[in-house]
């Protein structure tokens, strides 16, 4: 899913809610999410989307959305495995629903090498475009949220039955990286998984969409970002050490590459200056 978080404002004004998938889908789908406002927005608002190494699909039933200031006129679009933070803009009627896959969970359902869809939003013919357009129409016609969730459950289960098998090393290795907050060296990970580092890299590119190193970077930056929200001092030097960055310069560079601003700027923005 695209998980939207903003240091500037909560998401209640967008009617943000999370919804669990059916039990059969939980190894592959983290959640469904919805934004639904009773009244249209009279002013333009933007919210940050920070990358988590997950793939998603967004169904828009309201007015035009904006990604990094560019209008997205398609009624549904991909949330590819993003490696940088982006901004989603809202104006007018807000009514959308999304699927947030687990890391690596989209591959068994879509059956495509996910690295081909990295940072993508455009629906390709290879991504079952006509099928998804029909699904969007059925979702829009549904008379209530439970009916929409049932439709998504049914479609995803059908795709799962006809998709591709997830390699067992994917969930096991993802857990290992998450448990160490991305600090586990990739050669050590490959050794523990009894696979060569090159094979592990290829497996991640296909079934996760990014390399193990990129996923580790996202984990470390996410941990840093969440920690910065709780900091009461102005220094980030100790945080860089705790998260296993080589030095402060390395921390600043990797944080800025993902979030778009420095840790110090993020810290100031979180405090509303």
Protein backbone atom coordinates (compact mmCIF):
# COMPACT_ATOMS: atom_id res chain seq x y z
CA UNK A 1 0.00 0.00 0.00
CA UNK A 2 1.04 3.49 -0.24
CA UNK A 3 1.28 4.41 3.38
CA UNK A 4 0.85 8.13 3.59
CA UNK A 5 2.26 9.97 6.56
CA UNK A 6 2.73 13.66 6.96
CA UNK A 7 4.67 15.50 9.65
CA UNK A 8 2.53 18.56 8.94
CA UNK A 9 -1.00 17.23 9.46
CA UNK A 10 -2.99 14.16 10.42
CA UNK A 11 -4.98 12.29 7.79
CA UNK A 12 -8.37 12.36 9.47
CA UNK A 13 -9.49 15.19 7.20
CA UNK A 14 -9.16 12.79 4.26
CA UNK A 15 -11.19 10.08 5.96
CA UNK A 16 -8.20 7.73 6.04
CA UNK A 17 -8.89 4.16 7.18
CA UNK A 18 -7.10 0.79 7.05
CA UNK A 19 -8.90 -2.48 6.38
CA UNK A 20 -7.57 -6.06 6.68
CA UNK A 21 -7.69 -8.47 3.73
CA UNK A 22 -9.13 -11.99 4.01
CA UNK A 23 -6.95 -14.47 5.95
CA UNK A 24 -5.89 -16.24 2.74
CA UNK A 25 -4.33 -13.02 1.47
CA UNK A 26 -2.51 -11.85 4.60
CA UNK A 27 0.87 -13.37 3.62
CA UNK A 28 0.71 -11.23 0.46
CA UNK A 29 -1.45 -8.17 1.25
CA UNK A 30 -0.66 -5.93 4.19
CA UNK A 31 -3.94 -4.01 4.08
CA UNK A 32 -6.48 -2.15 2.04
CA UNK A 33 -6.75 1.57 2.67
CA UNK A 34 -9.37 4.18 1.86
CA UNK A 35 -9.63 7.94 1.68
CA UNK A 36 -13.23 9.13 1.61
CA UNK A 37 -14.44 12.64 2.49
CA UNK A 38 -18.08 13.55 2.94
CA UNK A 39 -17.48 17.00 1.39
CA UNK A 40 -15.07 18.07 -1.37
CA UNK A 41 -11.82 19.81 -0.51
CA UNK A 42 -12.02 23.51 -1.37
CA UNK A 43 -8.23 23.96 -1.20
CA UNK A 44 -5.34 21.90 -2.54
CA UNK A 45 -3.62 19.62 0.00
CA UNK A 46 -0.49 17.46 -0.30
CA UNK A 47 0.59 14.52 1.81
CA UNK A 48 3.90 12.69 1.80
CA UNK A 49 4.28 9.09 0.66
CA UNK A 50 7.42 7.58 2.12
CA UNK A 51 8.83 4.40 0.54
CA UNK A 52 8.63 1.11 2.40
CA UNK A 53 9.68 -1.36 -0.29
CA UNK A 54 6.07 -2.30 -0.98
CA UNK A 55 4.02 -2.41 -4.15
CA UNK A 56 0.45 -1.11 -4.40
CA UNK A 57 -2.51 -0.41 -6.65
CA UNK A 58 -4.68 2.71 -6.27
CA UNK A 59 -8.31 3.00 -7.45
CA UNK A 60 -9.56 6.57 -7.73
CA UNK A 61 -13.32 7.24 -7.73
CA UNK A 62 -13.10 10.96 -7.00
CA UNK A 63 -11.54 13.99 -8.66
CA UNK A 64 -8.06 14.11 -10.21
CA UNK A 65 -5.14 13.24 -7.96
CA UNK A 66 -1.63 14.67 -8.24
CA UNK A 67 1.74 12.98 -7.77
CA UNK A 68 4.62 15.37 -7.25
CA UNK A 69 2.49 18.12 -8.74
CA UNK A 70 1.56 16.19 -11.90
CA UNK A 71 -2.08 15.28 -12.55
CA UNK A 72 -2.85 11.54 -12.67
CA UNK A 73 -5.90 11.28 -14.88
CA UNK A 74 -6.11 7.49 -15.02
CA UNK A 75 -8.88 6.05 -12.80
CA UNK A 76 -6.37 3.61 -11.31
CA UNK A 77 -2.62 3.51 -11.16
CA UNK A 78 0.31 1.58 -9.80
CA UNK A 79 2.23 2.45 -6.69
CA UNK A 80 5.46 0.85 -7.89
CA UNK A 81 8.15 -0.19 -5.42
CA UNK A 82 9.24 3.37 -4.79
CA UNK A 83 12.74 4.20 -3.62
CA UNK A 84 12.13 7.91 -2.98
CA UNK A 85 9.48 9.89 -1.10
CA UNK A 86 6.71 11.42 -3.18
CA UNK A 87 3.79 13.77 -2.59
CA UNK A 88 0.16 13.01 -3.36
CA UNK A 89 -2.09 16.03 -3.93
CA UNK A 90 -5.84 16.25 -3.34
CA UNK A 91 -8.50 18.73 -4.45
CA UNK A 92 -12.26 18.41 -4.78
CA UNK A 93 -14.00 15.07 -4.25
CA UNK A 94 -11.81 12.57 -2.39
CA UNK A 95 -12.82 8.92 -2.81
CA UNK A 96 -10.09 6.36 -3.39
CA UNK A 97 -9.08 2.89 -2.34
CA UNK A 98 -5.76 1.11 -2.45
CA UNK A 99 -4.13 -2.27 -2.05
CA UNK A 100 -0.89 -2.35 -0.14
CA UNK A 101 1.01 -5.58 -0.74
CA UNK A 102 3.49 -7.03 1.70
CA UNK A 103 7.10 -6.66 0.62
CA UNK A 104 7.45 -9.28 -2.12
CA UNK A 105 3.73 -10.04 -1.95
CA UNK A 106 2.79 -8.53 -5.31
CA UNK A 107 4.88 -10.99 -7.34
CA UNK A 108 2.74 -14.10 -6.71
CA UNK A 109 -0.41 -12.13 -7.60
CA UNK A 110 0.76 -10.09 -10.60
CA UNK A 111 3.24 -12.70 -11.83
CA UNK A 112 5.62 -10.08 -13.23
CA UNK A 113 9.27 -9.23 -12.48
CA UNK A 114 8.69 -6.34 -10.11
CA UNK A 115 11.91 -4.51 -10.98
CA UNK A 116 10.25 -3.68 -14.33
CA UNK A 117 7.60 -1.70 -12.41
CA UNK A 118 9.89 0.11 -9.96
CA UNK A 119 8.78 3.72 -9.39
CA UNK A 120 6.06 3.19 -12.01
CA UNK A 121 2.50 4.50 -11.94
CA UNK A 122 1.32 3.80 -15.49
CA UNK A 123 -0.81 0.71 -16.05
CA UNK A 124 0.94 -1.45 -18.61
CA UNK A 125 -0.84 -4.03 -20.75
CA UNK A 126 1.32 -6.62 -19.01
CA UNK A 127 -0.28 -5.66 -15.67
CA UNK A 128 -3.69 -6.99 -16.70
CA UNK A 129 -4.89 -3.51 -17.68
CA UNK A 130 -8.31 -4.49 -19.18
CA UNK A 131 -8.99 -6.74 -16.18
CA UNK A 132 -8.11 -3.95 -13.74
CA UNK A 133 -10.25 -1.41 -15.62
CA UNK A 134 -13.22 -3.77 -15.30
CA UNK A 135 -12.46 -4.25 -11.61
CA UNK A 136 -12.38 -0.47 -11.12
CA UNK A 137 -15.84 -0.18 -12.69
CA UNK A 138 -17.23 -2.90 -10.41
CA UNK A 139 -15.68 -1.26 -7.35
CA UNK A 140 -17.17 2.10 -8.29
CA UNK A 141 -20.61 0.55 -8.70
CA UNK A 142 -20.44 -1.21 -5.31
CA UNK A 143 -22.93 0.31 -2.89
CA UNK A 144 -20.79 0.10 0.26
CA UNK A 145 -17.22 -0.36 1.49
CA UNK A 146 -17.70 -4.03 2.58
CA UNK A 147 -18.79 -4.86 -0.96
CA UNK A 148 -15.67 -3.20 -2.36
CA UNK A 149 -13.47 -5.17 0.02
CA UNK A 150 -15.18 -8.42 -1.01
CA UNK A 151 -14.57 -7.62 -4.67
CA UNK A 152 -10.89 -6.92 -4.04
CA UNK A 153 -10.52 -10.09 -1.97
CA UNK A 154 -12.08 -12.19 -4.72
CA UNK A 155 -9.97 -10.65 -7.49
CA UNK A 156 -6.70 -11.01 -5.59
CA UNK A 157 -7.43 -14.62 -4.59
CA UNK A 158 -8.21 -15.45 -8.21
CA UNK A 159 -4.95 -13.84 -9.31
CA UNK A 160 -3.06 -15.67 -6.57
CA UNK A 161 -4.36 -19.03 -7.79
CA UNK A 162 -3.17 -18.31 -11.33
CA UNK A 163 -0.04 -16.33 -10.45
CA UNK A 164 3.51 -17.39 -9.64
CA UNK A 165 4.93 -19.05 -6.56
CA UNK A 166 6.83 -16.92 -4.08
CA UNK A 167 10.29 -18.21 -3.25
CA UNK A 168 10.43 -19.20 0.43
CA UNK A 169 13.67 -17.24 0.85
CA UNK A 170 11.86 -13.95 0.26
CA UNK A 171 9.75 -13.77 3.45
CA UNK A 172 12.52 -15.36 5.54
CA UNK A 173 15.18 -12.91 4.37
CA UNK A 174 12.84 -9.90 4.64
CA UNK A 175 12.14 -10.82 8.27
CA UNK A 176 15.88 -11.07 8.95
CA UNK A 177 16.49 -7.60 7.51
CA UNK A 178 13.57 -6.06 9.39
CA UNK A 179 14.68 -7.57 12.68
CA UNK A 180 18.04 -5.82 12.34
CA UNK A 181 16.47 -2.59 10.99
CA UNK A 182 18.46 -3.04 7.79
CA UNK A 183 21.82 -3.34 9.53
CA UNK A 184 22.50 -6.97 8.63
CA UNK A 185 25.31 -7.15 6.01
CA UNK A 186 24.00 -8.57 2.74
CA UNK A 187 26.84 -11.18 2.47
CA UNK A 188 25.82 -12.45 5.92
CA UNK A 189 22.19 -12.59 4.85
CA UNK A 190 23.06 -14.59 1.72
CA UNK A 191 25.17 -16.99 3.79
CA UNK A 192 22.37 -17.53 6.29
CA UNK A 193 19.94 -18.20 3.44
CA UNK A 194 22.40 -20.70 1.86
CA UNK A 195 22.40 -18.82 -1.44
CA UNK A 196 25.02 -16.80 -3.28
CA UNK A 197 24.81 -13.04 -2.96
CA UNK A 198 24.35 -12.74 -6.73
CA UNK A 199 21.44 -15.18 -6.68
CA UNK A 200 19.87 -13.32 -3.77
CA UNK A 201 20.18 -10.04 -5.68
CA UNK A 202 18.45 -11.51 -8.74
CA UNK A 203 15.71 -13.03 -6.61
CA UNK A 204 15.01 -9.69 -4.90
CA UNK A 205 14.95 -7.77 -8.17
CA UNK A 206 12.32 -10.15 -9.55
CA UNK A 207 10.14 -10.80 -6.52
CA UNK A 208 10.61 -7.67 -4.37
CA UNK A 209 11.46 -5.12 -7.05
CA UNK A 210 14.56 -3.70 -5.38
CA UNK A 211 17.87 -5.13 -4.22
CA UNK A 212 18.50 -6.31 -0.63
CA UNK A 213 20.82 -3.33 -0.20
CA UNK A 214 18.12 -0.89 -1.33
CA UNK A 215 15.60 -2.51 1.01
CA UNK A 216 18.06 -2.23 3.88
CA UNK A 217 18.55 1.45 3.08
CA UNK A 218 14.78 2.04 3.16
CA UNK A 219 14.54 0.28 6.53
CA UNK A 220 17.31 2.40 8.04
CA UNK A 221 15.89 5.63 6.68
CA UNK A 222 12.38 4.72 7.86
CA UNK A 223 13.72 4.00 11.35
CA UNK A 224 15.58 7.31 11.30
CA UNK A 225 12.52 9.20 10.08
CA UNK A 226 10.27 7.76 12.79
CA UNK A 227 12.93 8.36 15.45
CA UNK A 228 13.38 11.98 14.39
CA UNK A 229 9.72 12.61 15.17
CA UNK A 230 10.45 11.71 18.79
CA UNK A 231 13.75 13.56 19.21
CA UNK A 232 13.91 16.46 21.65
CA UNK A 233 17.46 17.55 20.86
CA UNK A 234 18.74 19.06 17.65
CA UNK A 235 21.56 16.58 17.09
CA UNK A 236 21.33 13.61 14.73
CA UNK A 237 24.92 12.39 15.16
CA UNK A 238 24.09 9.68 17.72
CA UNK A 239 21.16 8.52 15.59
CA UNK A 240 23.48 7.97 12.62
CA UNK A 241 25.75 5.80 14.78
CA UNK A 242 22.86 3.82 16.26
CA UNK A 243 21.52 2.99 12.80
CA UNK A 244 24.84 1.70 11.52
CA UNK A 245 25.72 4.47 9.06
CA UNK A 246 29.45 4.90 8.42
CA UNK A 247 29.41 8.50 9.55
CA UNK A 248 27.21 11.57 9.70
CA UNK A 249 27.84 12.47 6.06
CA UNK A 250 26.76 8.98 4.95
CA UNK A 251 23.58 9.26 7.04
CA UNK A 252 22.70 12.67 5.63
CA UNK A 253 23.32 11.55 2.06
CA UNK A 254 21.19 8.38 2.28
CA UNK A 255 18.37 10.13 4.17
CA UNK A 256 18.27 12.93 1.60
CA UNK A 257 18.35 10.46 -1.31
CA UNK A 258 15.17 8.81 -0.01
CA UNK A 259 13.21 11.58 1.74
CA UNK A 260 14.40 14.49 -0.37
CA UNK A 261 15.62 16.68 2.51
CA UNK A 262 18.28 16.36 5.21
CA UNK A 263 17.55 14.78 8.61
CA UNK A 264 17.92 18.18 10.28
CA UNK A 265 15.42 19.77 7.87
CA UNK A 266 13.01 16.89 8.50
CA UNK A 267 13.42 17.36 12.26
CA UNK A 268 12.62 21.08 11.98
CA UNK A 269 9.65 20.44 9.71
CA UNK A 270 8.23 17.89 12.15
CA UNK A 271 8.24 20.57 14.85
CA UNK A 272 6.39 22.98 12.67
CA UNK A 273 9.38 25.34 12.89
